[in-house]
N, C-alpha and C. Protein backbone atom coordinates (compact mmCIF):
# COMPACT_ATOMS: atom_id res chain seq x y z
N MET A 1 50.62 172.61 87.12
CA MET A 1 50.90 171.97 88.39
C MET A 1 51.09 173.05 89.47
N ALA A 2 50.47 172.84 90.60
CA ALA A 2 50.53 173.81 91.68
C ALA A 2 51.89 173.77 92.37
N THR A 3 52.41 174.97 92.62
CA THR A 3 53.67 175.05 93.35
C THR A 3 53.37 175.03 94.84
N GLU A 4 54.42 174.84 95.61
CA GLU A 4 54.26 174.82 97.07
C GLU A 4 53.70 176.15 97.57
N SER A 5 54.18 177.26 97.01
CA SER A 5 53.70 178.57 97.47
C SER A 5 52.25 178.81 97.04
N SER A 6 51.85 178.35 95.85
CA SER A 6 50.45 178.54 95.44
C SER A 6 49.52 177.71 96.31
N GLN A 7 49.96 176.54 96.72
CA GLN A 7 49.15 175.73 97.65
C GLN A 7 49.05 176.41 99.01
N ALA A 8 50.14 177.00 99.47
CA ALA A 8 50.14 177.69 100.76
C ALA A 8 49.22 178.91 100.71
N ILE A 9 49.25 179.63 99.58
CA ILE A 9 48.37 180.80 99.43
C ILE A 9 46.92 180.35 99.43
N SER A 10 46.61 179.31 98.68
CA SER A 10 45.25 178.79 98.63
C SER A 10 44.77 178.35 100.01
N THR A 11 45.63 177.67 100.73
CA THR A 11 45.30 177.22 102.09
C THR A 11 45.03 178.41 102.99
N ARG A 12 45.86 179.44 102.91
CA ARG A 12 45.68 180.63 103.77
C ARG A 12 44.38 181.35 103.45
N ILE A 13 44.06 181.47 102.15
CA ILE A 13 42.81 182.12 101.76
C ILE A 13 41.62 181.34 102.32
N ARG A 14 41.68 180.03 102.22
CA ARG A 14 40.60 179.19 102.76
C ARG A 14 40.50 179.33 104.27
N GLU A 15 41.62 179.35 104.97
CA GLU A 15 41.63 179.51 106.43
C GLU A 15 41.01 180.85 106.83
N ILE A 16 41.35 181.91 106.08
CA ILE A 16 40.77 183.23 106.37
C ILE A 16 39.26 183.20 106.15
N PHE A 17 38.84 182.59 105.06
CA PHE A 17 37.40 182.49 104.77
C PHE A 17 36.67 181.75 105.88
N LEU A 18 37.21 180.62 106.31
CA LEU A 18 36.55 179.84 107.37
C LEU A 18 36.52 180.60 108.69
N ALA A 19 37.60 181.29 109.01
CA ALA A 19 37.63 182.09 110.24
C ALA A 19 36.60 183.21 110.17
N GLU A 20 36.49 183.82 109.00
CA GLU A 20 35.49 184.87 108.79
C GLU A 20 34.08 184.32 109.01
N GLN A 21 33.79 183.17 108.43
CA GLN A 21 32.47 182.56 108.57
C GLN A 21 32.17 182.20 110.02
N ARG A 22 33.16 181.66 110.73
CA ARG A 22 32.96 181.31 112.14
C ARG A 22 32.65 182.55 112.97
N GLN A 23 33.41 183.61 112.75
CA GLN A 23 33.21 184.82 113.53
C GLN A 23 31.86 185.47 113.23
N ILE A 24 31.50 185.51 111.97
CA ILE A 24 30.19 186.08 111.61
C ILE A 24 29.08 185.24 112.22
N ALA A 25 29.20 183.92 112.14
CA ALA A 25 28.19 183.04 112.73
C ALA A 25 28.08 183.27 114.23
N ALA A 26 29.19 183.43 114.90
CA ALA A 26 29.17 183.66 116.35
C ALA A 26 28.50 184.99 116.67
N GLU A 27 28.82 186.03 115.90
CA GLU A 27 28.19 187.34 116.15
C GLU A 27 26.71 187.31 115.83
N LEU A 28 26.33 186.58 114.78
CA LEU A 28 24.90 186.48 114.45
C LEU A 28 24.14 185.71 115.52
N ALA A 29 24.78 184.72 116.11
CA ALA A 29 24.13 183.93 117.16
C ALA A 29 23.75 184.81 118.34
N ASP A 30 24.50 185.87 118.55
CA ASP A 30 24.17 186.80 119.64
C ASP A 30 22.92 187.62 119.32
N ASP A 31 22.69 187.89 118.03
CA ASP A 31 21.58 188.76 117.63
C ASP A 31 20.36 188.01 117.11
N ALA A 32 20.58 186.88 116.42
CA ALA A 32 19.47 186.16 115.80
C ALA A 32 19.88 184.72 115.56
N ALA A 33 18.90 183.87 115.49
CA ALA A 33 19.17 182.44 115.28
C ALA A 33 19.18 182.12 113.80
N VAL A 34 20.12 182.73 113.05
CA VAL A 34 20.24 182.45 111.63
C VAL A 34 21.69 182.12 111.31
N THR A 35 21.88 181.38 110.26
CA THR A 35 23.22 181.07 109.77
C THR A 35 23.69 182.20 108.87
N PRO A 36 24.99 182.29 108.61
CA PRO A 36 25.44 183.31 107.66
C PRO A 36 24.78 183.16 106.28
N GLN A 37 24.54 181.92 105.84
CA GLN A 37 23.89 181.71 104.54
C GLN A 37 22.46 182.26 104.55
N GLN A 38 21.75 182.04 105.65
CA GLN A 38 20.40 182.59 105.76
C GLN A 38 20.45 184.11 105.80
N ALA A 39 21.45 184.66 106.46
CA ALA A 39 21.61 186.11 106.51
C ALA A 39 21.86 186.67 105.12
N VAL A 40 22.60 185.94 104.29
CA VAL A 40 22.83 186.37 102.91
C VAL A 40 21.51 186.42 102.15
N VAL A 41 20.65 185.42 102.36
CA VAL A 41 19.33 185.41 101.72
C VAL A 41 18.54 186.65 102.16
N LEU A 42 18.56 186.93 103.45
CA LEU A 42 17.86 188.12 103.95
C LEU A 42 18.43 189.39 103.33
N GLN A 43 19.75 189.44 103.20
CA GLN A 43 20.38 190.61 102.61
C GLN A 43 19.95 190.79 101.15
N LEU A 44 19.86 189.70 100.41
CA LEU A 44 19.39 189.78 99.02
C LEU A 44 17.97 190.34 98.96
N ILE A 45 17.12 189.88 99.85
CA ILE A 45 15.74 190.37 99.88
C ILE A 45 15.72 191.84 100.27
N ASP A 46 16.59 192.22 101.19
CA ASP A 46 16.68 193.62 101.61
C ASP A 46 17.11 194.51 100.45
N GLU A 47 18.05 194.04 99.65
CA GLU A 47 18.56 194.82 98.52
C GLU A 47 17.55 194.91 97.38
N ARG A 48 16.71 193.87 97.25
CA ARG A 48 15.75 193.82 96.14
C ARG A 48 14.39 193.36 96.65
N PRO A 49 13.70 194.20 97.42
CA PRO A 49 12.39 193.80 97.94
C PRO A 49 11.46 193.37 96.81
N GLY A 50 10.75 192.26 97.05
CA GLY A 50 9.81 191.77 96.06
C GLY A 50 10.39 190.72 95.12
N LEU A 51 11.67 190.38 95.31
CA LEU A 51 12.20 189.36 94.43
C LEU A 51 11.54 188.02 94.73
N ILE A 52 11.71 187.08 93.83
CA ILE A 52 11.08 185.78 93.98
C ILE A 52 12.14 184.71 94.25
N GLN A 53 11.70 183.54 94.64
CA GLN A 53 12.61 182.45 94.99
C GLN A 53 13.59 182.15 93.84
N ARG A 54 13.13 182.15 92.63
CA ARG A 54 13.98 181.84 91.47
C ARG A 54 15.16 182.82 91.40
N ASP A 55 14.91 184.09 91.73
CA ASP A 55 15.98 185.09 91.72
C ASP A 55 17.09 184.71 92.71
N ILE A 56 16.70 184.25 93.87
CA ILE A 56 17.67 183.85 94.90
C ILE A 56 18.45 182.63 94.44
N VAL A 57 17.76 181.68 93.84
CA VAL A 57 18.42 180.48 93.30
C VAL A 57 19.48 180.90 92.29
N ASP A 58 19.14 181.83 91.41
CA ASP A 58 20.07 182.27 90.37
C ASP A 58 21.28 182.99 90.97
N VAL A 59 21.05 183.89 91.90
CA VAL A 59 22.13 184.67 92.49
C VAL A 59 23.06 183.80 93.34
N MET A 60 22.47 182.94 94.15
CA MET A 60 23.27 182.13 95.07
C MET A 60 23.82 180.86 94.42
N GLN A 61 23.29 180.53 93.26
CA GLN A 61 23.68 179.29 92.57
C GLN A 61 23.52 178.08 93.49
N ARG A 62 22.37 178.03 94.12
CA ARG A 62 22.01 176.91 95.00
C ARG A 62 20.82 176.21 94.38
N ARG A 63 20.62 174.97 94.81
CA ARG A 63 19.45 174.22 94.34
C ARG A 63 18.17 174.89 94.85
N ALA A 64 17.13 174.78 94.05
CA ALA A 64 15.85 175.37 94.42
C ALA A 64 15.35 174.81 95.75
N ALA A 65 15.58 173.51 95.99
CA ALA A 65 15.13 172.89 97.24
C ALA A 65 15.86 173.49 98.45
N THR A 66 17.13 173.80 98.29
CA THR A 66 17.90 174.40 99.37
C THR A 66 17.38 175.79 99.69
N VAL A 67 17.15 176.59 98.66
CA VAL A 67 16.63 177.94 98.85
C VAL A 67 15.23 177.88 99.45
N SER A 68 14.42 176.95 99.00
CA SER A 68 13.07 176.79 99.54
C SER A 68 13.12 176.49 101.03
N ALA A 69 14.04 175.62 101.44
CA ALA A 69 14.18 175.30 102.86
C ALA A 69 14.62 176.53 103.65
N PHE A 70 15.57 177.31 103.11
CA PHE A 70 15.98 178.56 103.76
C PHE A 70 14.78 179.47 103.97
N LEU A 71 14.01 179.64 102.90
CA LEU A 71 12.88 180.57 102.95
C LEU A 71 11.81 180.11 103.94
N LYS A 72 11.53 178.82 103.97
CA LYS A 72 10.54 178.31 104.93
C LYS A 72 10.97 178.59 106.36
N LYS A 73 12.24 178.35 106.66
CA LYS A 73 12.75 178.62 108.02
C LYS A 73 12.69 180.10 108.35
N LEU A 74 13.06 180.93 107.40
CA LEU A 74 13.05 182.37 107.62
C LEU A 74 11.64 182.90 107.80
N GLU A 75 10.70 182.33 107.05
CA GLU A 75 9.31 182.74 107.17
C GLU A 75 8.73 182.29 108.52
N MET A 76 9.02 181.06 108.90
CA MET A 76 8.52 180.55 110.19
C MET A 76 9.11 181.33 111.36
N ALA A 77 10.33 181.83 111.22
CA ALA A 77 10.98 182.60 112.27
C ALA A 77 10.50 184.06 112.29
N GLY A 78 9.72 184.43 111.29
CA GLY A 78 9.18 185.78 111.26
C GLY A 78 10.10 186.82 110.64
N TYR A 79 11.07 186.38 109.83
CA TYR A 79 12.02 187.30 109.22
C TYR A 79 11.59 187.77 107.83
N ILE A 80 10.75 186.99 107.16
CA ILE A 80 10.27 187.36 105.83
C ILE A 80 8.77 187.09 105.74
N VAL A 81 8.16 187.75 104.76
CA VAL A 81 6.77 187.46 104.39
C VAL A 81 6.74 187.26 102.88
N ARG A 82 5.79 186.44 102.47
CA ARG A 82 5.57 186.22 101.03
C ARG A 82 4.26 186.89 100.66
N ARG A 83 4.28 187.61 99.57
CA ARG A 83 3.07 188.29 99.09
C ARG A 83 2.80 187.85 97.65
N VAL A 84 1.54 187.65 97.36
CA VAL A 84 1.12 187.26 96.02
C VAL A 84 0.79 188.52 95.24
N PRO A 85 1.53 188.78 94.16
CA PRO A 85 1.22 189.97 93.36
C PRO A 85 -0.09 189.77 92.60
N THR A 86 -0.76 190.85 92.32
CA THR A 86 -2.05 190.75 91.64
C THR A 86 -1.92 190.25 90.20
N ASP A 87 -0.76 190.51 89.58
CA ASP A 87 -0.60 190.13 88.18
C ASP A 87 0.00 188.74 87.97
N ASN A 88 0.40 188.05 89.07
CA ASN A 88 1.03 186.74 88.91
C ASN A 88 0.88 185.96 90.23
N THR A 89 -0.13 185.12 90.29
CA THR A 89 -0.39 184.39 91.52
C THR A 89 0.56 183.21 91.73
N ARG A 90 1.35 182.90 90.71
CA ARG A 90 2.26 181.76 90.79
C ARG A 90 3.52 182.07 91.60
N ASN A 91 4.12 183.22 91.33
CA ASN A 91 5.37 183.61 92.00
C ASN A 91 5.08 184.54 93.17
N LYS A 92 5.47 184.11 94.35
CA LYS A 92 5.28 184.94 95.54
C LYS A 92 6.49 185.84 95.72
N GLN A 93 6.23 187.10 95.96
CA GLN A 93 7.31 188.06 96.18
C GLN A 93 7.71 188.02 97.66
N LEU A 94 9.00 188.26 97.90
CA LEU A 94 9.56 188.15 99.24
C LEU A 94 9.92 189.53 99.78
N TYR A 95 9.55 189.74 101.06
CA TYR A 95 9.82 191.00 101.73
C TYR A 95 10.31 190.72 103.15
N LEU A 96 11.15 191.60 103.66
CA LEU A 96 11.62 191.47 105.04
C LEU A 96 10.59 192.03 106.00
N THR A 97 10.53 191.42 107.15
CA THR A 97 9.78 191.99 108.27
C THR A 97 10.74 192.91 109.02
N VAL A 98 10.26 193.58 110.04
CA VAL A 98 11.13 194.41 110.88
C VAL A 98 12.21 193.54 111.51
N SER A 99 11.84 192.35 111.95
CA SER A 99 12.82 191.43 112.52
C SER A 99 13.88 191.05 111.49
N GLY A 100 13.47 190.83 110.26
CA GLY A 100 14.41 190.51 109.20
C GLY A 100 15.36 191.66 108.93
N GLN A 101 14.85 192.88 108.99
CA GLN A 101 15.69 194.06 108.81
C GLN A 101 16.74 194.15 109.93
N ARG A 102 16.35 193.78 111.13
CA ARG A 102 17.31 193.79 112.25
C ARG A 102 18.42 192.77 112.03
N VAL A 103 18.07 191.60 111.49
CA VAL A 103 19.08 190.58 111.21
C VAL A 103 20.05 191.08 110.15
N VAL A 104 19.54 191.71 109.12
CA VAL A 104 20.42 192.24 108.06
C VAL A 104 21.37 193.28 108.65
N ALA A 105 20.87 194.14 109.51
CA ALA A 105 21.73 195.14 110.15
C ALA A 105 22.80 194.47 111.01
N ALA A 106 22.43 193.43 111.74
CA ALA A 106 23.40 192.70 112.57
C ALA A 106 24.43 192.01 111.69
N PHE A 107 23.99 191.44 110.58
CA PHE A 107 24.89 190.78 109.63
C PHE A 107 25.88 191.79 109.05
N ASP A 108 25.39 192.96 108.67
CA ASP A 108 26.27 194.00 108.12
C ASP A 108 27.30 194.43 109.16
N ARG A 109 26.88 194.58 110.41
CA ARG A 109 27.81 194.95 111.48
C ARG A 109 28.86 193.86 111.69
N ALA A 110 28.42 192.61 111.70
CA ALA A 110 29.34 191.49 111.93
C ALA A 110 30.37 191.42 110.81
N ARG A 111 29.93 191.57 109.58
CA ARG A 111 30.87 191.54 108.45
C ARG A 111 31.84 192.71 108.52
N ALA A 112 31.35 193.89 108.84
CA ALA A 112 32.23 195.06 108.95
C ALA A 112 33.27 194.84 110.04
N ASP A 113 32.85 194.26 111.16
CA ASP A 113 33.79 193.97 112.26
C ASP A 113 34.87 193.00 111.80
N VAL A 114 34.47 191.95 111.11
CA VAL A 114 35.42 190.94 110.65
C VAL A 114 36.40 191.56 109.65
N TYR A 115 35.89 192.34 108.72
CA TYR A 115 36.77 192.93 107.71
C TYR A 115 37.74 193.92 108.34
N GLN A 116 37.27 194.64 109.35
CA GLN A 116 38.16 195.58 110.04
C GLN A 116 39.26 194.80 110.77
N GLN A 117 38.89 193.71 111.42
CA GLN A 117 39.88 192.89 112.12
C GLN A 117 40.87 192.25 111.16
N LEU A 118 40.41 191.94 109.97
CA LEU A 118 41.27 191.31 108.97
C LEU A 118 42.43 192.22 108.58
N THR A 119 42.21 193.52 108.60
CA THR A 119 43.24 194.44 108.14
C THR A 119 43.85 195.29 109.25
N VAL A 120 43.47 195.05 110.48
CA VAL A 120 43.93 195.90 111.59
C VAL A 120 45.45 195.90 111.73
N GLU A 121 46.10 194.82 111.37
CA GLU A 121 47.56 194.73 111.49
C GLU A 121 48.30 195.31 110.29
N LEU A 122 47.54 195.77 109.28
CA LEU A 122 48.15 196.30 108.06
C LEU A 122 48.04 197.82 108.02
N ASN A 123 49.13 198.48 107.64
CA ASN A 123 49.03 199.93 107.46
C ASN A 123 48.35 200.19 106.11
N THR A 124 48.11 201.45 105.81
CA THR A 124 47.38 201.82 104.60
C THR A 124 48.09 201.33 103.33
N ALA A 125 49.40 201.48 103.27
CA ALA A 125 50.15 201.03 102.09
C ALA A 125 50.05 199.52 101.93
N GLN A 126 50.13 198.78 103.04
CA GLN A 126 50.02 197.32 102.98
C GLN A 126 48.63 196.90 102.54
N GLN A 127 47.60 197.62 103.00
CA GLN A 127 46.24 197.30 102.58
C GLN A 127 46.08 197.51 101.08
N ARG A 128 46.62 198.60 100.56
CA ARG A 128 46.55 198.86 99.11
C ARG A 128 47.30 197.77 98.34
N GLU A 129 48.48 197.40 98.84
CA GLU A 129 49.27 196.36 98.17
C GLU A 129 48.54 195.02 98.18
N LEU A 130 47.94 194.68 99.33
CA LEU A 130 47.19 193.43 99.43
C LEU A 130 46.03 193.43 98.44
N LEU A 131 45.32 194.53 98.36
CA LEU A 131 44.20 194.62 97.42
C LEU A 131 44.68 194.45 95.98
N THR A 132 45.79 195.07 95.65
CA THR A 132 46.35 194.94 94.30
C THR A 132 46.72 193.49 94.01
N LEU A 133 47.38 192.84 94.96
CA LEU A 133 47.79 191.44 94.77
C LEU A 133 46.58 190.51 94.65
N LEU A 134 45.58 190.73 95.48
CA LEU A 134 44.38 189.88 95.41
C LEU A 134 43.63 190.09 94.09
N THR A 135 43.58 191.33 93.64
CA THR A 135 42.91 191.62 92.37
C THR A 135 43.65 190.93 91.22
N THR A 136 44.97 190.99 91.25
CA THR A 136 45.78 190.33 90.23
C THR A 136 45.55 188.81 90.27
N ALA A 137 45.55 188.25 91.46
CA ALA A 137 45.30 186.81 91.61
C ALA A 137 43.91 186.45 91.10
N GLN A 138 42.92 187.28 91.37
CA GLN A 138 41.56 187.01 90.92
C GLN A 138 41.48 187.00 89.39
N ARG A 139 42.21 187.87 88.75
CA ARG A 139 42.22 187.89 87.28
C ARG A 139 42.74 186.57 86.73
N GLY A 140 43.62 185.91 87.45
CA GLY A 140 44.12 184.61 87.03
C GLY A 140 43.03 183.55 86.97
N LEU A 141 41.95 183.79 87.72
CA LEU A 141 40.81 182.87 87.71
C LEU A 141 39.72 183.32 86.74
N GLY A 142 40.02 184.37 85.99
CA GLY A 142 39.04 184.87 85.02
C GLY A 142 38.03 185.80 85.64
N GLY A 143 38.29 186.29 86.84
CA GLY A 143 37.31 187.15 87.53
C GLY A 143 37.62 188.54 87.52
């Protein structure tokens, strides 16, 4: 049974996550017309050029139809290209365009800004303590 403090902690973590997502979305809107989820897809492609749609489905644990819709929008916006490898015409490999690389850079900057703001009120010892506490809490979830 959840205690009052565990519910308060869970609520605060969720509030921080939502605030982070809002801020990243706002910063991305200034640079590109993509959602944070689409930016994550672009980041995956940036980290592993040539991956296929199934890889993204597996990593993001999203339905194939959802990932397909993301990819179609990103391709139409000129952020990715699909290439057919010579050894497998069934699976198209995904690559970023220059525009897609710019979005990934903007996404990385936005996330870094948010993370810096998250800890700006904490001194170094408090940041270490927070990290220790969060790591301990994560182990409680089997992570």
